[in-house]
Amino acid sequence: MTLHVADVERSLDFYKRIPGAIVQQHRPGDSALLHFGEGRLGLLRQAGRSLGLATGSPARAQAW
């Protein structure tokens, strides 16, 4: 899953506090990728919006 966020650093600080979170990639101010077991979470800076969500598949979007 990818979250489009206004502040990557603030979001990364929040999500890396979750037990088991591993930061796999970090481009300061631009993006970050975290792994949680077999799951992963991408954080991508999105100017002009506070939050967006991308699931990668219509089936996953319907589940939300």
PDB file of N, CA and C in Angstrom:
ATOM      1  N   MET A   1       0.848  -1.149   0.000  1.00  0.00           N
ATOM      2  CA  MET A   1       0.000   0.000   0.000  1.00  0.00           C
ATOM      3  C   MET A   1       0.904   1.225   0.000  1.00  0.00           C
ATOM      4  N   THR A   2       0.466   2.275  -0.672  1.00  0.00           N
ATOM      5  CA  THR A   2       1.196   3.540  -0.684  1.00  0.00           C
ATOM      6  C   THR A   2       0.290   4.639  -0.156  1.00  0.00           C
ATOM      7  N   LEU A   3       0.805   5.404   0.787  1.00  0.00           N
ATOM      8  CA  LEU A   3       0.098   6.579   1.296  1.00  0.00           C
ATOM      9  C   LEU A   3       0.757   7.820   0.712  1.00  0.00           C
ATOM     10  N   HIS A   4      -0.046   8.699   0.169  1.00  0.00           N
ATOM     11  CA  HIS A   4       0.438   9.989  -0.319  1.00  0.00           C
ATOM     12  C   HIS A   4       0.250  10.973   0.829  1.00  0.00           C
ATOM     13  N   VAL A   5       1.355  11.500   1.323  1.00  0.00           N
ATOM     14  CA  VAL A   5       1.329  12.325   2.532  1.00  0.00           C
ATOM     15  C   VAL A   5       1.952  13.701   2.280  1.00  0.00           C
ATOM     16  N   ALA A   6       1.570  14.656   3.096  1.00  0.00           N
ATOM     17  CA  ALA A   6       2.111  16.011   2.978  1.00  0.00           C
ATOM     18  C   ALA A   6       3.520  16.102   3.556  1.00  0.00           C
ATOM     19  N   ASP A   7       3.823  15.309   4.584  1.00  0.00           N
ATOM     20  CA  ASP A   7       5.111  15.385   5.271  1.00  0.00           C
ATOM     21  C   ASP A   7       5.671  13.970   5.464  1.00  0.00           C
ATOM     22  N   VAL A   8       6.578  13.561   4.597  1.00  0.00           N
ATOM     23  CA  VAL A   8       7.151  12.210   4.657  1.00  0.00           C
ATOM     24  C   VAL A   8       7.876  11.984   5.972  1.00  0.00           C
ATOM     25  N   GLU A   9       8.635  12.951   6.445  1.00  0.00           N
ATOM     26  CA  GLU A   9       9.424  12.774   7.671  1.00  0.00           C
ATOM     27  C   GLU A   9       8.526  12.561   8.880  1.00  0.00           C
ATOM     28  N   ARG A  10       7.479  13.343   8.994  1.00  0.00           N
ATOM     29  CA  ARG A  10       6.551  13.191  10.124  1.00  0.00           C
ATOM     30  C   ARG A  10       5.833  11.848  10.056  1.00  0.00           C
ATOM     31  N   SER A  11       5.416  11.453   8.864  1.00  0.00           N
ATOM     32  CA  SER A  11       4.737  10.169   8.688  1.00  0.00           C
ATOM     33  C   SER A  11       5.687   9.008   8.985  1.00  0.00           C
ATOM     34  N   LEU A  12       6.916   9.105   8.509  1.00  0.00           N
ATOM     35  CA  LEU A  12       7.907   8.061   8.769  1.00  0.00           C
ATOM     36  C   LEU A  12       8.167   7.929  10.268  1.00  0.00           C
ATOM     37  N   ASP A  13       8.306   9.043  10.964  1.00  0.00           N
ATOM     38  CA  ASP A  13       8.510   9.007  12.417  1.00  0.00           C
ATOM     39  C   ASP A  13       7.368   8.264  13.105  1.00  0.00           C
ATOM     40  N   PHE A  14       6.142   8.463  12.621  1.00  0.00           N
ATOM     41  CA  PHE A  14       4.978   7.788  13.197  1.00  0.00           C
ATOM     42  C   PHE A  14       5.012   6.289  12.919  1.00  0.00           C
ATOM     43  N   TYR A  15       5.130   5.900  11.665  1.00  0.00           N
ATOM     44  CA  TYR A  15       5.020   4.492  11.289  1.00  0.00           C
ATOM     45  C   TYR A  15       6.199   3.639  11.740  1.00  0.00           C
ATOM     46  N   LYS A  16       7.385   4.207  11.874  1.00  0.00           N
ATOM     47  CA  LYS A  16       8.518   3.378  12.301  1.00  0.00           C
ATOM     48  C   LYS A  16       8.467   3.054  13.790  1.00  0.00           C
ATOM     49  N   ARG A  17       7.534   3.643  14.522  1.00  0.00           N
ATOM     50  CA  ARG A  17       7.334   3.295  15.938  1.00  0.00           C
ATOM     51  C   ARG A  17       6.538   2.007  16.107  1.00  0.00           C
ATOM     52  N   ILE A  18       5.906   1.533  15.044  1.00  0.00           N
ATOM     53  CA  ILE A  18       5.126   0.303  15.119  1.00  0.00           C
ATOM     54  C   ILE A  18       6.093  -0.871  15.283  1.00  0.00           C
ATOM     55  N   PRO A  19       5.855  -1.727  16.273  1.00  0.00           N
ATOM     56  CA  PRO A  19       6.752  -2.865  16.476  1.00  0.00           C
ATOM     57  C   PRO A  19       6.892  -3.700  15.200  1.00  0.00           C
ATOM     58  N   GLY A  20       8.122  -4.034  14.852  1.00  0.00           N
ATOM     59  CA  GLY A  20       8.404  -4.828  13.672  1.00  0.00           C
ATOM     60  C   GLY A  20       8.620  -4.026  12.406  1.00  0.00           C
ATOM     61  N   ALA A  21       8.433  -2.705  12.468  1.00  0.00           N
ATOM     62  CA  ALA A  21       8.629  -1.858  11.285  1.00  0.00           C
ATOM     63  C   ALA A  21      10.108  -1.760  10.953  1.00  0.00           C
ATOM     64  N   ILE A  22      10.422  -1.975   9.678  1.00  0.00           N
ATOM     65  CA  ILE A  22      11.796  -1.870   9.202  1.00  0.00           C
ATOM     66  C   ILE A  22      11.813  -0.893   8.033  1.00  0.00           C
ATOM     67  N   VAL A  23      12.619   0.147   8.142  1.00  0.00           N
ATOM     68  CA  VAL A  23      12.749   1.120   7.057  1.00  0.00           C
ATOM     69  C   VAL A  23      13.675   0.513   6.006  1.00  0.00           C
ATOM     70  N   GLN A  24      13.149   0.246   4.820  1.00  0.00           N
ATOM     71  CA  GLN A  24      13.920  -0.354   3.733  1.00  0.00           C
ATOM     72  C   GLN A  24      14.567   0.697   2.842  1.00  0.00           C
ATOM     73  N   GLN A  25      13.875   1.813   2.666  1.00  0.00           N
ATOM     74  CA  GLN A  25      14.381   2.870   1.787  1.00  0.00           C
ATOM     75  C   GLN A  25      13.853   4.199   2.291  1.00  0.00           C
ATOM     76  N   HIS A  26      14.683   5.234   2.187  1.00  0.00           N
ATOM     77  CA  HIS A  26      14.260   6.564   2.621  1.00  0.00           C
ATOM     78  C   HIS A  26      14.955   7.616   1.773  1.00  0.00           C
ATOM     79  N   ARG A  27      14.168   8.401   1.104  1.00  0.00           N
ATOM     80  CA  ARG A  27      14.660   9.575   0.378  1.00  0.00           C
ATOM     81  C   ARG A  27      14.093  10.784   1.112  1.00  0.00           C
ATOM     82  N   PRO A  28      14.900  11.408   1.960  1.00  0.00           N
ATOM     83  CA  PRO A  28      14.406  12.484   2.822  1.00  0.00           C
ATOM     84  C   PRO A  28      13.578  13.516   2.067  1.00  0.00           C
ATOM     85  N   GLY A  29      12.392  13.778   2.624  1.00  0.00           N
ATOM     86  CA  GLY A  29      11.489  14.777   2.055  1.00  0.00           C
ATOM     87  C   GLY A  29      10.720  14.320   0.843  1.00  0.00           C
ATOM     88  N   ASP A  30      11.004  13.105   0.329  1.00  0.00           N
ATOM     89  CA  ASP A  30      10.367  12.644  -0.905  1.00  0.00           C
ATOM     90  C   ASP A  30       9.581  11.352  -0.732  1.00  0.00           C
ATOM     91  N   SER A  31      10.223  10.310  -0.172  1.00  0.00           N
ATOM     92  CA  SER A  31       9.545   9.020  -0.065  1.00  0.00           C
ATOM     93  C   SER A  31      10.228   8.124   0.958  1.00  0.00           C
ATOM     94  N   ALA A  32       9.512   7.076   1.364  1.00  0.00           N
ATOM     95  CA  ALA A  32      10.054   6.068   2.269  1.00  0.00           C
ATOM     96  C   ALA A  32       9.311   4.769   2.022  1.00  0.00           C
ATOM     97  N   LEU A  33       9.980   3.651   2.282  1.00  0.00           N
ATOM     98  CA  LEU A  33       9.381   2.327   2.165  1.00  0.00           C
ATOM     99  C   LEU A  33       9.678   1.564   3.446  1.00  0.00           C
ATOM    100  N   LEU A  34       8.612   1.068   4.074  1.00  0.00           N
ATOM    101  CA  LEU A  34       8.745   0.294   5.305  1.00  0.00           C
ATOM    102  C   LEU A  34       8.194  -1.105   5.087  1.00  0.00           C
ATOM    103  N   HIS A  35       8.772  -2.086   5.791  1.00  0.00           N
ATOM    104  CA  HIS A  35       8.277  -3.457   5.766  1.00  0.00           C
ATOM    105  C   HIS A  35       7.760  -3.797   7.155  1.00  0.00           C
ATOM    106  N   PHE A  36       6.651  -4.523   7.180  1.00  0.00           N
ATOM    107  CA  PHE A  36       6.042  -5.030   8.407  1.00  0.00           C
ATOM    108  C   PHE A  36       5.779  -6.515   8.162  1.00  0.00           C
ATOM    109  N   GLY A  37       6.679  -7.386   8.568  1.00  0.00           N
ATOM    110  CA  GLY A  37       6.526  -8.806   8.251  1.00  0.00           C
ATOM    111  C   GLY A  37       6.570  -8.977   6.740  1.00  0.00           C
ATOM    112  N   GLU A  38       5.499  -9.518   6.163  1.00  0.00           N
ATOM    113  CA  GLU A  38       5.439  -9.675   4.710  1.00  0.00           C
ATOM    114  C   GLU A  38       4.739  -8.511   4.023  1.00  0.00           C
ATOM    115  N   GLY A  39       4.244  -7.569   4.801  1.00  0.00           N
ATOM    116  CA  GLY A  39       3.576  -6.396   4.241  1.00  0.00           C
ATOM    117  C   GLY A  39       4.547  -5.251   4.059  1.00  0.00           C
ATOM    118  N   ARG A  40       4.132  -4.287   3.273  1.00  0.00           N
ATOM    119  CA  ARG A  40       4.971  -3.100   3.098  1.00  0.00           C
ATOM    120  C   ARG A  40       4.092  -1.874   2.979  1.00  0.00           C
ATOM    121  N   LEU A  41       4.697  -0.755   3.324  1.00  0.00           N
ATOM    122  CA  LEU A  41       4.003   0.524   3.283  1.00  0.00           C
ATOM    123  C   LEU A  41       4.919   1.542   2.634  1.00  0.00           C
ATOM    124  N   GLY A  42       4.438   2.181   1.587  1.00  0.00           N
ATOM    125  CA  GLY A  42       5.168   3.261   0.949  1.00  0.00           C
ATOM    126  C   GLY A  42       4.606   4.599   1.382  1.00  0.00           C
ATOM    127  N   LEU A  43       5.469   5.548   1.616  1.00  0.00           N
ATOM    128  CA  LEU A  43       5.085   6.924   1.930  1.00  0.00           C
ATOM    129  C   LEU A  43       5.635   7.790   0.815  1.00  0.00           C
ATOM    130  N   LEU A  44       4.773   8.539   0.180  1.00  0.00           N
ATOM    131  CA  LEU A  44       5.158   9.353  -0.965  1.00  0.00           C
ATOM    132  C   LEU A  44       4.649  10.774  -0.765  1.00  0.00           C
ATOM    133  N   ARG A  45       5.550  11.744  -0.904  1.00  0.00           N
ATOM    134  CA  ARG A  45       5.159  13.139  -0.713  1.00  0.00           C
ATOM    135  C   ARG A  45       4.187  13.552  -1.809  1.00  0.00           C
ATOM    136  N   GLN A  46       3.094  14.153  -1.380  1.00  0.00           N
ATOM    137  CA  GLN A  46       2.073  14.641  -2.299  1.00  0.00           C
ATOM    138  C   GLN A  46       1.797  16.098  -1.961  1.00  0.00           C
ATOM    139  N   ALA A  47       2.350  17.008  -2.737  1.00  0.00           N
ATOM    140  CA  ALA A  47       2.156  18.436  -2.494  1.00  0.00           C
ATOM    141  C   ALA A  47       0.697  18.806  -2.726  1.00  0.00           C
ATOM    142  N   GLY A  48       0.179  19.644  -1.852  1.00  0.00           N
ATOM    143  CA  GLY A  48      -1.174  20.158  -2.027  1.00  0.00           C
ATOM    144  C   GLY A  48      -2.265  19.294  -1.438  1.00  0.00           C
ATOM    145  N   ARG A  49      -1.937  18.111  -0.941  1.00  0.00           N
ATOM    146  CA  ARG A  49      -2.910  17.226  -0.310  1.00  0.00           C
ATOM    147  C   ARG A  49      -2.351  16.779   1.022  1.00  0.00           C
ATOM    148  N   SER A  50      -3.240  16.487   1.953  1.00  0.00           N
ATOM    149  CA  SER A  50      -2.759  16.008   3.242  1.00  0.00           C
ATOM    150  C   SER A  50      -2.669  14.489   3.286  1.00  0.00           C
ATOM    151  N   LEU A  51      -3.521  13.761   2.527  1.00  0.00           N
ATOM    152  CA  LEU A  51      -3.488  12.307   2.567  1.00  0.00           C
ATOM    153  C   LEU A  51      -4.164  11.735   1.336  1.00  0.00           C
ATOM    154  N   GLY A  52      -3.568  10.721   0.772  1.00  0.00           N
ATOM    155  CA  GLY A  52      -4.168   9.968  -0.326  1.00  0.00           C
ATOM    156  C   GLY A  52      -3.813   8.510  -0.118  1.00  0.00           C
ATOM    157  N   LEU A  53      -4.507   7.599  -0.792  1.00  0.00           N
ATOM    158  CA  LEU A  53      -4.294   6.178  -0.615  1.00  0.00           C
ATOM    159  C   LEU A  53      -4.261   5.494  -1.968  1.00  0.00           C
ATOM    160  N   ALA A  54      -3.269   4.636  -2.185  1.00  0.00           N
ATOM    161  CA  ALA A  54      -3.189   3.835  -3.407  1.00  0.00           C
ATOM    162  C   ALA A  54      -2.987   2.387  -2.987  1.00  0.00           C
ATOM    163  N   THR A  55      -3.849   1.483  -3.473  1.00  0.00           N
ATOM    164  CA  THR A  55      -3.768   0.085  -3.053  1.00  0.00           C
ATOM    165  C   THR A  55      -3.115  -0.792  -4.107  1.00  0.00           C
ATOM    166  N   GLY A  56      -3.105  -0.381  -5.357  1.00  0.00           N
ATOM    167  CA  GLY A  56      -2.497  -1.183  -6.398  1.00  0.00           C
ATOM    168  C   GLY A  56      -3.458  -2.122  -7.095  1.00  0.00           C
ATOM    169  N   SER A  57      -4.668  -2.328  -6.538  1.00  0.00           N
ATOM    170  CA  SER A  57      -5.626  -3.182  -7.224  1.00  0.00           C
ATOM    171  C   SER A  57      -7.052  -2.786  -6.855  1.00  0.00           C
ATOM    172  N   PRO A  58      -7.994  -2.865  -7.805  1.00  0.00           N
ATOM    173  CA  PRO A  58      -9.393  -2.531  -7.514  1.00  0.00           C
ATOM    174  C   PRO A  58      -9.990  -3.418  -6.428  1.00  0.00           C
ATOM    175  N   ALA A  59      -9.597  -4.688  -6.364  1.00  0.00           N
ATOM    176  CA  ALA A  59     -10.132  -5.587  -5.343  1.00  0.00           C
ATOM    177  C   ALA A  59      -9.764  -5.120  -3.943  1.00  0.00           C
ATOM    178  N   ARG A  60      -8.533  -4.668  -3.775  1.00  0.00           N
ATOM    179  CA  ARG A  60      -8.108  -4.160  -2.479  1.00  0.00           C
ATOM    180  C   ARG A  60      -8.833  -2.861  -2.143  1.00  0.00           C
ATOM    181  N   ALA A  61      -9.050  -2.031  -3.121  1.00  0.00           N
ATOM    182  CA  ALA A  61      -9.757  -0.777  -2.883  1.00  0.00           C
ATOM    183  C   ALA A  61     -11.174  -1.053  -2.409  1.00  0.00           C
ATOM    184  N   GLN A  62     -11.840  -2.057  -2.953  1.00  0.00           N
ATOM    185  CA  GLN A  62     -13.204  -2.400  -2.546  1.00  0.00           C
ATOM    186  C   GLN A  62     -13.225  -2.927  -1.110  1.00  0.00           C
ATOM    187  N   ALA A  63     -12.159  -3.579  -0.697  1.00  0.00           N
ATOM    188  CA  ALA A  63     -12.087  -4.110   0.660  1.00  0.00           C
ATOM    189  C   ALA A  63     -12.065  -2.999   1.698  1.00  0.00           C
ATOM    190  N   TRP A  64     -11.556  -1.829   1.310  1.00  0.00           N
ATOM    191  CA  TRP A  64     -11.507  -0.691   2.240  1.00  0.00           C
ATOM    192  C   TRP A  64     -12.872  -0.099   2.355  1.00  0.00           C
TER     193      TRP A  64
END
